[in-house]
Amino acid sequence: MRRRIRPAVRRWGVVIEDNWRMTRNDARKAFLIALLAIPISLAVAICLGLVIIAVITVLAIVIAVLCLVCVVLAIVLVIIPPALLIGLIFAPLYYAVWVLRRRLTR
């Protein structure tokens, strides 16, 4: 059995050496591509960070504008109508008191 194993191991070694010789240039190319992937991935990460910062800025502006719109709507819908109604209610009373004061002071 040992006689059969040794030639098989030698053949595997020869096959591995042949494969290494055939793929040596490809391995160098793969290593260079991996080295090029490092600066490319760094550039992509920087661009992604800048995009995230820009998106956060735009969202902050949109939220600020929406808050301003909500405040304006609150003023228009909550403060002005009651003020007008109070004015419409008290204006005739004020006019009646003014007329009575003029008549009574004569």
PDB file of N, CA and C in Angstrom:
ATOM      1  N   MET A   1       0.821  -1.188   0.000  1.00  0.00           N
ATOM      2  CA  MET A   1       0.000   0.000   0.000  1.00  0.00           C
ATOM      3  C   MET A   1       0.862   1.248   0.000  1.00  0.00           C
ATOM      4  N   ARG A   2       2.011   1.184   0.687  1.00  0.00           N
ATOM      5  CA  ARG A   2       2.893   2.339   0.703  1.00  0.00           C
ATOM      6  C   ARG A   2       3.432   2.625  -0.685  1.00  0.00           C
ATOM      7  N   ARG A   3       3.620   1.648  -1.464  1.00  0.00           N
ATOM      8  CA  ARG A   3       4.129   1.848  -2.818  1.00  0.00           C
ATOM      9  C   ARG A   3       3.148   2.651  -3.652  1.00  0.00           C
ATOM     10  N   ARG A   4       1.892   2.433  -3.423  1.00  0.00           N
ATOM     11  CA  ARG A   4       0.878   3.169  -4.190  1.00  0.00           C
ATOM     12  C   ARG A   4       0.735   4.603  -3.693  1.00  0.00           C
ATOM     13  N   ILE A   5       0.918   4.853  -2.417  1.00  0.00           N
ATOM     14  CA  ILE A   5       0.716   6.191  -1.850  1.00  0.00           C
ATOM     15  C   ILE A   5       1.835   7.125  -2.275  1.00  0.00           C
ATOM     16  N   ARG A   6       3.081   6.681  -2.245  1.00  0.00           N
ATOM     17  CA  ARG A   6       4.196   7.575  -2.573  1.00  0.00           C
ATOM     18  C   ARG A   6       4.112   8.121  -3.991  1.00  0.00           C
ATOM     19  N   PRO A   7       3.881   7.318  -4.997  1.00  0.00           N
ATOM     20  CA  PRO A   7       3.762   7.905  -6.330  1.00  0.00           C
ATOM     21  C   PRO A   7       2.566   8.853  -6.439  1.00  0.00           C
ATOM     22  N   ALA A   8       1.499   8.564  -5.719  1.00  0.00           N
ATOM     23  CA  ALA A   8       0.325   9.447  -5.760  1.00  0.00           C
ATOM     24  C   ALA A   8       0.666  10.789  -5.127  1.00  0.00           C
ATOM     25  N   VAL A   9       1.389  10.769  -4.006  1.00  0.00           N
ATOM     26  CA  VAL A   9       1.785  12.016  -3.342  1.00  0.00           C
ATOM     27  C   VAL A   9       2.715  12.812  -4.239  1.00  0.00           C
ATOM     28  N   ARG A  10       3.644  12.122  -4.900  1.00  0.00           N
ATOM     29  CA  ARG A  10       4.557  12.822  -5.829  1.00  0.00           C
ATOM     30  C   ARG A  10       3.777  13.457  -6.972  1.00  0.00           C
ATOM     31  N   ARG A  11       2.800  12.726  -7.494  1.00  0.00           N
ATOM     32  CA  ARG A  11       1.997  13.298  -8.589  1.00  0.00           C
ATOM     33  C   ARG A  11       1.211  14.518  -8.103  1.00  0.00           C
ATOM     34  N   TRP A  12       0.666  14.454  -6.879  1.00  0.00           N
ATOM     35  CA  TRP A  12      -0.065  15.609  -6.357  1.00  0.00           C
ATOM     36  C   TRP A  12       0.865  16.814  -6.208  1.00  0.00           C
ATOM     37  N   GLY A  13       2.092  16.539  -5.734  1.00  0.00           N
ATOM     38  CA  GLY A  13       3.065  17.621  -5.608  1.00  0.00           C
ATOM     39  C   GLY A  13       3.402  18.223  -6.956  1.00  0.00           C
ATOM     40  N   VAL A  14       3.595  17.374  -7.970  1.00  0.00           N
ATOM     41  CA  VAL A  14       3.896  17.862  -9.311  1.00  0.00           C
ATOM     42  C   VAL A  14       2.726  18.665  -9.854  1.00  0.00           C
ATOM     43  N   VAL A  15       1.523  18.179  -9.625  1.00  0.00           N
ATOM     44  CA  VAL A  15       0.328  18.888 -10.114  1.00  0.00           C
ATOM     45  C   VAL A  15       0.193  20.256  -9.426  1.00  0.00           C
ATOM     46  N   ILE A  16       0.444  20.284  -8.127  1.00  0.00           N
ATOM     47  CA  ILE A  16       0.362  21.561  -7.395  1.00  0.00           C
ATOM     48  C   ILE A  16       1.422  22.529  -7.894  1.00  0.00           C
ATOM     49  N   GLU A  17       2.641  22.052  -8.127  1.00  0.00           N
ATOM     50  CA  GLU A  17       3.691  22.934  -8.637  1.00  0.00           C
ATOM     51  C   GLU A  17       3.344  23.454 -10.033  1.00  0.00           C
ATOM     52  N   ASP A  18       2.820  22.595 -10.882  1.00  0.00           N
ATOM     53  CA  ASP A  18       2.409  23.038 -12.225  1.00  0.00           C
ATOM     54  C   ASP A  18       1.298  24.083 -12.144  1.00  0.00           C
ATOM     55  N   ASN A  19       0.323  23.845 -11.274  1.00  0.00           N
ATOM     56  CA  ASN A  19      -0.765  24.821 -11.115  1.00  0.00           C
ATOM     57  C   ASN A  19      -0.225  26.151 -10.593  1.00  0.00           C
ATOM     58  N   TRP A  20       0.707  26.104  -9.662  1.00  0.00           N
ATOM     59  CA  TRP A  20       1.278  27.334  -9.129  1.00  0.00           C
ATOM     60  C   TRP A  20       2.033  28.091 -10.223  1.00  0.00           C
ATOM     61  N   ARG A  21       2.808  27.383 -11.042  1.00  0.00           N
ATOM     62  CA  ARG A  21       3.522  28.039 -12.139  1.00  0.00           C
ATOM     63  C   ARG A  21       2.548  28.659 -13.133  1.00  0.00           C
ATOM     64  N   MET A  22       1.470  27.950 -13.419  1.00  0.00           N
ATOM     65  CA  MET A  22       0.511  28.467 -14.411  1.00  0.00           C
ATOM     66  C   MET A  22      -0.258  29.679 -13.876  1.00  0.00           C
ATOM     67  N   THR A  23      -0.516  29.690 -12.579  1.00  0.00           N
ATOM     68  CA  THR A  23      -1.342  30.764 -12.016  1.00  0.00           C
ATOM     69  C   THR A  23      -0.534  31.839 -11.309  1.00  0.00           C
ATOM     70  N   ARG A  24       0.787  31.800 -11.408  1.00  0.00           N
ATOM     71  CA  ARG A  24       1.606  32.791 -10.715  1.00  0.00           C
ATOM     72  C   ARG A  24       1.306  34.206 -11.211  1.00  0.00           C
ATOM     73  N   ASN A  25       1.200  34.412 -12.505  1.00  0.00           N
ATOM     74  CA  ASN A  25       0.891  35.736 -13.047  1.00  0.00           C
ATOM     75  C   ASN A  25      -0.519  36.167 -12.653  1.00  0.00           C
ATOM     76  N   ASP A  26      -1.440  35.221 -12.648  1.00  0.00           N
ATOM     77  CA  ASP A  26      -2.799  35.558 -12.241  1.00  0.00           C
ATOM     78  C   ASP A  26      -2.850  35.958 -10.775  1.00  0.00           C
ATOM     79  N   ALA A  27      -2.035  35.315  -9.956  1.00  0.00           N
ATOM     80  CA  ALA A  27      -1.996  35.663  -8.539  1.00  0.00           C
ATOM     81  C   ALA A  27      -1.461  37.075  -8.360  1.00  0.00           C
ATOM     82  N   ARG A  28      -0.454  37.435  -9.123  1.00  0.00           N
ATOM     83  CA  ARG A  28       0.062  38.815  -9.053  1.00  0.00           C
ATOM     84  C   ARG A  28      -0.991  39.818  -9.477  1.00  0.00           C
ATOM     85  N   LYS A  29      -1.716  39.484 -10.540  1.00  0.00           N
ATOM     86  CA  LYS A  29      -2.787  40.382 -10.992  1.00  0.00           C
ATOM     87  C   LYS A  29      -3.871  40.512  -9.926  1.00  0.00           C
ATOM     88  N   ALA A  30      -4.239  39.408  -9.309  1.00  0.00           N
ATOM     89  CA  ALA A  30      -5.250  39.451  -8.254  1.00  0.00           C
ATOM     90  C   ALA A  30      -4.760  40.272  -7.068  1.00  0.00           C
ATOM     91  N   PHE A  31      -3.476  40.143  -6.724  1.00  0.00           N
ATOM     92  CA  PHE A  31      -2.921  40.933  -5.624  1.00  0.00           C
ATOM     93  C   PHE A  31      -2.931  42.421  -5.958  1.00  0.00           C
ATOM     94  N   LEU A  32      -2.573  42.781  -7.198  1.00  0.00           N
ATOM     95  CA  LEU A  32      -2.603  44.187  -7.605  1.00  0.00           C
ATOM     96  C   LEU A  32      -4.027  44.734  -7.616  1.00  0.00           C
ATOM     97  N   ILE A  33      -4.979  43.913  -8.046  1.00  0.00           N
ATOM     98  CA  ILE A  33      -6.367  44.352  -8.023  1.00  0.00           C
ATOM     99  C   ILE A  33      -6.829  44.579  -6.583  1.00  0.00           C
ATOM    100  N   ALA A  34      -6.406  43.707  -5.668  1.00  0.00           N
ATOM    101  CA  ALA A  34      -6.752  43.883  -4.254  1.00  0.00           C
ATOM    102  C   ALA A  34      -6.124  45.155  -3.703  1.00  0.00           C
ATOM    103  N   LEU A  35      -4.879  45.447  -4.103  1.00  0.00           N
ATOM    104  CA  LEU A  35      -4.241  46.686  -3.662  1.00  0.00           C
ATOM    105  C   LEU A  35      -4.973  47.908  -4.219  1.00  0.00           C
ATOM    106  N   LEU A  36      -5.460  47.821  -5.444  1.00  0.00           N
ATOM    107  CA  LEU A  36      -6.227  48.936  -6.013  1.00  0.00           C
ATOM    108  C   LEU A  36      -7.590  49.077  -5.358  1.00  0.00           C
ATOM    109  N   ALA A  37      -8.120  47.992  -4.820  1.00  0.00           N
ATOM    110  CA  ALA A  37      -9.436  48.048  -4.186  1.00  0.00           C
ATOM    111  C   ALA A  37      -9.399  48.862  -2.897  1.00  0.00           C
ATOM    112  N   ILE A  38      -8.253  48.944  -2.249  1.00  0.00           N
ATOM    113  CA  ILE A  38      -8.162  49.685  -0.986  1.00  0.00           C
ATOM    114  C   ILE A  38      -8.424  51.172  -1.193  1.00  0.00           C
ATOM    115  N   PRO A  39      -7.711  51.888  -2.097  1.00  0.00           N
ATOM    116  CA  PRO A  39      -8.020  53.316  -2.261  1.00  0.00           C
ATOM    117  C   PRO A  39      -9.410  53.550  -2.858  1.00  0.00           C
ATOM    118  N   ILE A  40      -9.855  52.628  -3.689  1.00  0.00           N
ATOM    119  CA  ILE A  40     -11.196  52.792  -4.262  1.00  0.00           C
ATOM    120  C   ILE A  40     -12.247  52.679  -3.166  1.00  0.00           C
ATOM    121  N   SER A  41     -12.090  51.722  -2.269  1.00  0.00           N
ATOM    122  CA  SER A  41     -13.058  51.583  -1.182  1.00  0.00           C
ATOM    123  C   SER A  41     -12.998  52.782  -0.234  1.00  0.00           C
ATOM    124  N   LEU A  42     -11.803  53.337  -0.013  1.00  0.00           N
ATOM    125  CA  LEU A  42     -11.696  54.540   0.807  1.00  0.00           C
ATOM    126  C   LEU A  42     -12.401  55.720   0.141  1.00  0.00           C
ATOM    127  N   ALA A  43     -12.231  55.863  -1.162  1.00  0.00           N
ATOM    128  CA  ALA A  43     -12.911  56.950  -1.879  1.00  0.00           C
ATOM    129  C   ALA A  43     -14.425  56.783  -1.816  1.00  0.00           C
ATOM    130  N   VAL A  44     -14.888  55.558  -1.960  1.00  0.00           N
ATOM    131  CA  VAL A  44     -16.333  55.303  -1.876  1.00  0.00           C
ATOM    132  C   VAL A  44     -16.840  55.615  -0.470  1.00  0.00           C
ATOM    133  N   ALA A  45     -16.073  55.257   0.550  1.00  0.00           N
ATOM    134  CA  ALA A  45     -16.494  55.546   1.931  1.00  0.00           C
ATOM    135  C   ALA A  45     -16.550  57.050   2.174  1.00  0.00           C
ATOM    136  N   ILE A  46     -15.583  57.794   1.652  1.00  0.00           N
ATOM    137  CA  ILE A  46     -15.597  59.248   1.804  1.00  0.00           C
ATOM    138  C   ILE A  46     -16.800  59.845   1.084  1.00  0.00           C
ATOM    139  N   CYS A  47     -17.062  59.396  -0.130  1.00  0.00           N
ATOM    140  CA  CYS A  47     -18.224  59.897  -0.872  1.00  0.00           C
ATOM    141  C   CYS A  47     -19.517  59.547  -0.152  1.00  0.00           C
ATOM    142  N   LEU A  48     -19.604  58.356   0.394  1.00  0.00           N
ATOM    143  CA  LEU A  48     -20.795  57.960   1.136  1.00  0.00           C
ATOM    144  C   LEU A  48     -20.974  58.840   2.374  1.00  0.00           C
ATOM    145  N   GLY A  49     -19.887  59.136   3.062  1.00  0.00           N
ATOM    146  CA  GLY A  49     -19.964  60.034   4.217  1.00  0.00           C
ATOM    147  C   GLY A  49     -20.438  61.421   3.825  1.00  0.00           C
ATOM    148  N   LEU A  50     -19.917  61.942   2.704  1.00  0.00           N
ATOM    149  CA  LEU A  50     -20.353  63.259   2.244  1.00  0.00           C
ATOM    150  C   LEU A  50     -21.829  63.251   1.867  1.00  0.00           C
ATOM    151  N   VAL A  51     -22.272  62.177   1.244  1.00  0.00           N
ATOM    152  CA  VAL A  51     -23.692  62.077   0.875  1.00  0.00           C
ATOM    153  C   VAL A  51     -24.552  62.022   2.128  1.00  0.00           C
ATOM    154  N   ILE A  52     -24.113  61.287   3.132  1.00  0.00           N
ATOM    155  CA  ILE A  52     -24.885  61.212   4.380  1.00  0.00           C
ATOM    156  C   ILE A  52     -24.959  62.581   5.045  1.00  0.00           C
ATOM    157  N   ILE A  53     -23.855  63.322   5.054  1.00  0.00           N
ATOM    158  CA  ILE A  53     -23.858  64.670   5.621  1.00  0.00           C
ATOM    159  C   ILE A  53     -24.800  65.575   4.843  1.00  0.00           C
ATOM    160  N   ALA A  54     -24.784  65.478   3.503  1.00  0.00           N
ATOM    161  CA  ALA A  54     -25.676  66.297   2.690  1.00  0.00           C
ATOM    162  C   ALA A  54     -27.136  65.945   2.941  1.00  0.00           C
ATOM    163  N   VAL A  55     -27.432  64.660   3.074  1.00  0.00           N
ATOM    164  CA  VAL A  55     -28.818  64.241   3.334  1.00  0.00           C
ATOM    165  C   VAL A  55     -29.284  64.739   4.695  1.00  0.00           C
ATOM    166  N   ILE A  56     -28.428  64.662   5.690  1.00  0.00           N
ATOM    167  CA  ILE A  56     -28.796  65.154   7.022  1.00  0.00           C
ATOM    168  C   ILE A  56     -29.045  66.653   6.973  1.00  0.00           C
ATOM    169  N   THR A  57     -28.215  67.385   6.239  1.00  0.00           N
ATOM    170  CA  THR A  57     -28.402  68.826   6.120  1.00  0.00           C
ATOM    171  C   THR A  57     -29.718  69.153   5.432  1.00  0.00           C
ATOM    172  N   VAL A  58     -30.000  68.470   4.335  1.00  0.00           N
ATOM    173  CA  VAL A  58     -31.254  68.728   3.616  1.00  0.00           C
ATOM    174  C   VAL A  58     -32.451  68.371   4.490  1.00  0.00           C
ATOM    175  N   LEU A  59     -32.383  67.265   5.210  1.00  0.00           N
ATOM    176  CA  LEU A  59     -33.486  66.905   6.105  1.00  0.00           C
ATOM    177  C   LEU A  59     -33.671  67.937   7.210  1.00  0.00           C
ATOM    178  N   ALA A  60     -32.581  68.455   7.735  1.00  0.00           N
ATOM    179  CA  ALA A  60     -32.694  69.491   8.767  1.00  0.00           C
ATOM    180  C   ALA A  60     -33.369  70.740   8.207  1.00  0.00           C
ATOM    181  N   ILE A  61     -33.011  71.117   6.976  1.00  0.00           N
ATOM    182  CA  ILE A  61     -33.642  72.285   6.355  1.00  0.00           C
ATOM    183  C   ILE A  61     -35.121  72.024   6.125  1.00  0.00           C
ATOM    184  N   VAL A  62     -35.459  70.840   5.641  1.00  0.00           N
ATOM    185  CA  VAL A  62     -36.867  70.507   5.392  1.00  0.00           C
ATOM    186  C   VAL A  62     -37.659  70.521   6.698  1.00  0.00           C
ATOM    187  N   ILE A  63     -37.081  69.960   7.752  1.00  0.00           N
ATOM    188  CA  ILE A  63     -37.779  69.955   9.046  1.00  0.00           C
ATOM    189  C   ILE A  63     -37.959  71.370   9.561  1.00  0.00           C
ATOM    190  N   ALA A  64     -36.937  72.223   9.399  1.00  0.00           N
ATOM    191  CA  ALA A  64     -37.055  73.613   9.847  1.00  0.00           C
ATOM    192  C   ALA A  64     -38.145  74.343   9.071  1.00  0.00           C
ATOM    193  N   VAL A  65     -38.197  74.118   7.758  1.00  0.00           N
ATOM    194  CA  VAL A  65     -39.226  74.776   6.942  1.00  0.00           C
ATOM    195  C   VAL A  65     -40.607  74.273   7.342  1.00  0.00           C
ATOM    196  N   LEU A  66     -40.744  72.971   7.561  1.00  0.00           N
ATOM    197  CA  LEU A  66     -42.042  72.435   7.974  1.00  0.00           C
ATOM    198  C   LEU A  66     -42.456  72.967   9.340  1.00  0.00           C
ATOM    199  N   CYS A  67     -41.500  73.115  10.249  1.00  0.00           N
ATOM    200  CA  CYS A  67     -41.824  73.706  11.550  1.00  0.00           C
ATOM    201  C   CYS A  67     -42.279  75.145  11.391  1.00  0.00           C
ATOM    202  N   LEU A  68     -41.618  75.897  10.526  1.00  0.00           N
ATOM    203  CA  LEU A  68     -42.027  77.278  10.271  1.00  0.00           C
ATOM    204  C   LEU A  68     -43.425  77.328   9.680  1.00  0.00           C
ATOM    205  N   VAL A  69     -43.717  76.414   8.746  1.00  0.00           N
ATOM    206  CA  VAL A  69     -45.051  76.358   8.157  1.00  0.00           C
ATOM    207  C   VAL A  69     -46.083  76.015   9.227  1.00  0.00           C
ATOM    208  N   CYS A  70     -45.741  75.098  10.116  1.00  0.00           N
ATOM    209  CA  CYS A  70     -46.670  74.744  11.195  1.00  0.00           C
ATOM    210  C   CYS A  70     -46.920  75.922  12.122  1.00  0.00           C
ATOM    211  N   VAL A  71     -45.881  76.685  12.423  1.00  0.00           N
ATOM    212  CA  VAL A  71     -46.057  77.860  13.277  1.00  0.00           C
ATOM    213  C   VAL A  71     -46.941  78.888  12.585  1.00  0.00           C
ATOM    214  N   VAL A  72     -46.701  79.113  11.305  1.00  0.00           N
ATOM    215  CA  VAL A  72     -47.526  80.075  10.566  1.00  0.00           C
ATOM    216  C   VAL A  72     -48.972  79.598  10.515  1.00  0.00           C
ATOM    217  N   LEU A  73     -49.172  78.308  10.246  1.00  0.00           N
ATOM    218  CA  LEU A  73     -50.537  77.771  10.235  1.00  0.00           C
ATOM    219  C   LEU A  73     -51.182  77.885  11.609  1.00  0.00           C
ATOM    220  N   ALA A  74     -50.410  77.658  12.656  1.00  0.00           N
ATOM    221  CA  ALA A  74     -50.961  77.796  13.998  1.00  0.00           C
ATOM    222  C   ALA A  74     -51.385  79.229  14.260  1.00  0.00           C
ATOM    223  N   ILE A  75     -50.579  80.171  13.818  1.00  0.00           N
ATOM    224  CA  ILE A  75     -50.946  81.573  14.003  1.00  0.00           C
ATOM    225  C   ILE A  75     -52.193  81.907  13.207  1.00  0.00           C
ATOM    226  N   VAL A  76     -52.228  81.445  11.957  1.00  0.00           N
ATOM    227  CA  VAL A  76     -53.359  81.773  11.091  1.00  0.00           C
ATOM    228  C   VAL A  76     -54.633  81.076  11.552  1.00  0.00           C
ATOM    229  N   LEU A  77     -54.528  79.833  11.985  1.00  0.00           N
ATOM    230  CA  LEU A  77     -55.726  79.062  12.308  1.00  0.00           C
ATOM    231  C   LEU A  77     -56.121  79.096  13.779  1.00  0.00           C
ATOM    232  N   VAL A  78     -55.187  79.370  14.674  1.00  0.00           N
ATOM    233  CA  VAL A  78     -55.490  79.290  16.098  1.00  0.00           C
ATOM    234  C   VAL A  78     -55.580  80.662  16.745  1.00  0.00           C
ATOM    235  N   ILE A  79     -54.752  81.589  16.344  1.00  0.00           N
ATOM    236  CA  ILE A  79     -54.714  82.889  17.027  1.00  0.00           C
ATOM    237  C   ILE A  79     -55.605  83.925  16.339  1.00  0.00           C
ATOM    238  N   ILE A  80     -55.549  84.010  15.038  1.00  0.00           N
ATOM    239  CA  ILE A  80     -56.284  85.066  14.328  1.00  0.00           C
ATOM    240  C   ILE A  80     -57.804  84.880  14.396  1.00  0.00           C
ATOM    241  N   PRO A  81     -58.377  83.698  14.142  1.00  0.00           N
ATOM    242  CA  PRO A  81     -59.849  83.589  14.211  1.00  0.00           C
ATOM    243  C   PRO A  81     -60.432  83.941  15.578  1.00  0.00           C
ATOM    244  N   PRO A  82     -59.851  83.465  16.695  1.00  0.00           N
ATOM    245  CA  PRO A  82     -60.422  83.917  17.977  1.00  0.00           C
ATOM    246  C   PRO A  82     -60.276  85.420  18.185  1.00  0.00           C
ATOM    247  N   ALA A  83     -59.144  85.967  17.723  1.00  0.00           N
ATOM    248  CA  ALA A  83     -58.969  87.414  17.873  1.00  0.00           C
ATOM    249  C   ALA A  83     -60.025  88.167  17.066  1.00  0.00           C
ATOM    250  N   LEU A  84     -60.316  87.702  15.870  1.00  0.00           N
ATOM    251  CA  LEU A  84     -61.361  88.343  15.065  1.00  0.00           C
ATOM    252  C   LEU A  84     -62.729  88.180  15.710  1.00  0.00           C
ATOM    253  N   LEU A  85     -63.019  86.989  16.226  1.00  0.00           N
ATOM    254  CA  LEU A  85     -64.307  86.775  16.883  1.00  0.00           C
ATOM    255  C   LEU A  85     -64.461  87.641  18.124  1.00  0.00           C
ATOM    256  N   ILE A  86     -63.385  87.741  18.899  1.00  0.00           N
ATOM    257  CA  ILE A  86     -63.438  88.604  20.082  1.00  0.00           C
ATOM    258  C   ILE A  86     -63.660  90.049  19.661  1.00  0.00           C
ATOM    259  N   GLY A  87     -62.970  90.447  18.587  1.00  0.00           N
ATOM    260  CA  GLY A  87     -63.180  91.808  18.083  1.00  0.00           C
ATOM    261  C   GLY A  87     -64.599  92.028  17.603  1.00  0.00           C
ATOM    262  N   LEU A  88     -65.168  91.057  16.919  1.00  0.00           N
ATOM    263  CA  LEU A  88     -66.538  91.179  16.437  1.00  0.00           C
ATOM    264  C   LEU A  88     -67.545  91.181  17.581  1.00  0.00           C
ATOM    265  N   ILE A  89     -67.222  90.476  18.657  1.00  0.00           N
ATOM    266  CA  ILE A  89     -68.133  90.452  19.803  1.00  0.00           C
ATOM    267  C   ILE A  89     -68.028  91.738  20.608  1.00  0.00           C
ATOM    268  N   PHE A  90     -66.808  92.182  20.874  1.00  0.00           N
ATOM    269  CA  PHE A  90     -66.626  93.345  21.747  1.00  0.00           C
ATOM    270  C   PHE A  90     -66.773  94.683  21.037  1.00  0.00           C
ATOM    271  N   ALA A  91     -66.673  94.710  19.718  1.00  0.00           N
ATOM    272  CA  ALA A  91     -66.806  95.988  19.002  1.00  0.00           C
ATOM    273  C   ALA A  91     -68.178  96.611  19.207  1.00  0.00           C
ATOM    274  N   PRO A  92     -69.266  95.858  19.050  1.00  0.00           N
ATOM    275  CA  PRO A  92     -70.568  96.500  19.310  1.00  0.00           C
ATOM    276  C   PRO A  92     -70.742  96.915  20.769  1.00  0.00           C
ATOM    277  N   LEU A  93     -70.194  96.098  21.685  1.00  0.00           N
ATOM    278  CA  LEU A  93     -70.293  96.486  23.096  1.00  0.00           C
ATOM    279  C   LEU A  93     -69.501  97.761  23.360  1.00  0.00           C
ATOM    280  N   TYR A  94     -68.316  97.846  22.802  1.00  0.00           N
ATOM    281  CA  TYR A  94     -67.508  99.052  22.975  1.00  0.00           C
ATOM    282  C   TYR A  94     -68.219 100.269  22.377  1.00  0.00           C
ATOM    283  N   TYR A  95     -68.817 100.064  21.199  1.00  0.00           N
ATOM    284  CA  TYR A  95     -69.541 101.170  20.557  1.00  0.00           C
ATOM    285  C   TYR A  95     -70.739 101.587  21.411  1.00  0.00           C
ATOM    286  N   ALA A  96     -71.449 100.610  21.976  1.00  0.00           N
ATOM    287  CA  ALA A  96     -72.607 100.945  22.823  1.00  0.00           C
ATOM    288  C   ALA A  96     -72.171 101.696  24.068  1.00  0.00           C
ATOM    289  N   VAL A  97     -71.058 101.274  24.690  1.00  0.00           N
ATOM    290  CA  VAL A  97     -70.546 101.980  25.867  1.00  0.00           C
ATOM    291  C   VAL A  97     -70.092 103.376  25.484  1.00  0.00           C
ATOM    292  N   TRP A  98     -69.499 103.536  24.325  1.00  0.00           N
ATOM    293  CA  TRP A  98     -69.028 104.850  23.874  1.00  0.00           C
ATOM    294  C   TRP A  98     -70.209 105.791  23.644  1.00  0.00           C
ATOM    295  N   VAL A  99     -71.269 105.246  23.018  1.00  0.00           N
ATOM    296  CA  VAL A  99     -72.457 106.067  22.763  1.00  0.00           C
ATOM    297  C   VAL A  99     -73.106 106.457  24.092  1.00  0.00           C
ATOM    298  N   LEU A 100     -73.239 105.529  25.021  1.00  0.00           N
ATOM    299  CA  LEU A 100     -73.813 105.851  26.328  1.00  0.00           C
ATOM    300  C   LEU A 100     -72.971 106.871  27.062  1.00  0.00           C
ATOM    301  N   ARG A 101     -71.680 106.766  27.006  1.00  0.00           N
ATOM    302  CA  ARG A 101     -70.807 107.742  27.682  1.00  0.00           C
ATOM    303  C   ARG A 101     -70.995 109.124  27.111  1.00  0.00           C
ATOM    304  N   ARG A 102     -71.122 109.228  25.792  1.00  0.00           N
ATOM    305  CA  ARG A 102     -71.320 110.552  25.161  1.00  0.00           C
ATOM    306  C   ARG A 102     -72.652 111.152  25.562  1.00  0.00           C
ATOM    307  N   ARG A 103     -73.661 110.299  25.612  1.00  0.00           N
ATOM    308  CA  ARG A 103     -74.995 110.818  25.947  1.00  0.00           C
ATOM    309  C   ARG A 103     -75.081 111.233  27.421  1.00  0.00           C
ATOM    310  N   LEU A 104     -74.425 110.445  28.259  1.00  0.00           N
ATOM    311  CA  LEU A 104     -74.502 110.753  29.684  1.00  0.00           C
ATOM    312  C   LEU A 104     -73.592 111.892  30.097  1.00  0.00           C
ATOM    313  N   THR A 105     -72.552 112.159  29.345  1.00  0.00           N
ATOM    314  CA  THR A 105     -71.649 113.260  29.713  1.00  0.00           C
ATOM    315  C   THR A 105     -72.113 114.584  29.188  1.00  0.00           C
ATOM    316  N   ARG A 106     -73.159 114.670  28.372  1.00  0.00           N
ATOM    317  CA  ARG A 106     -73.641 115.952  27.861  1.00  0.00           C
ATOM    318  C   ARG A 106     -74.422 116.697  28.845  1.00  0.00           C
TER     319      ARG A 106
END
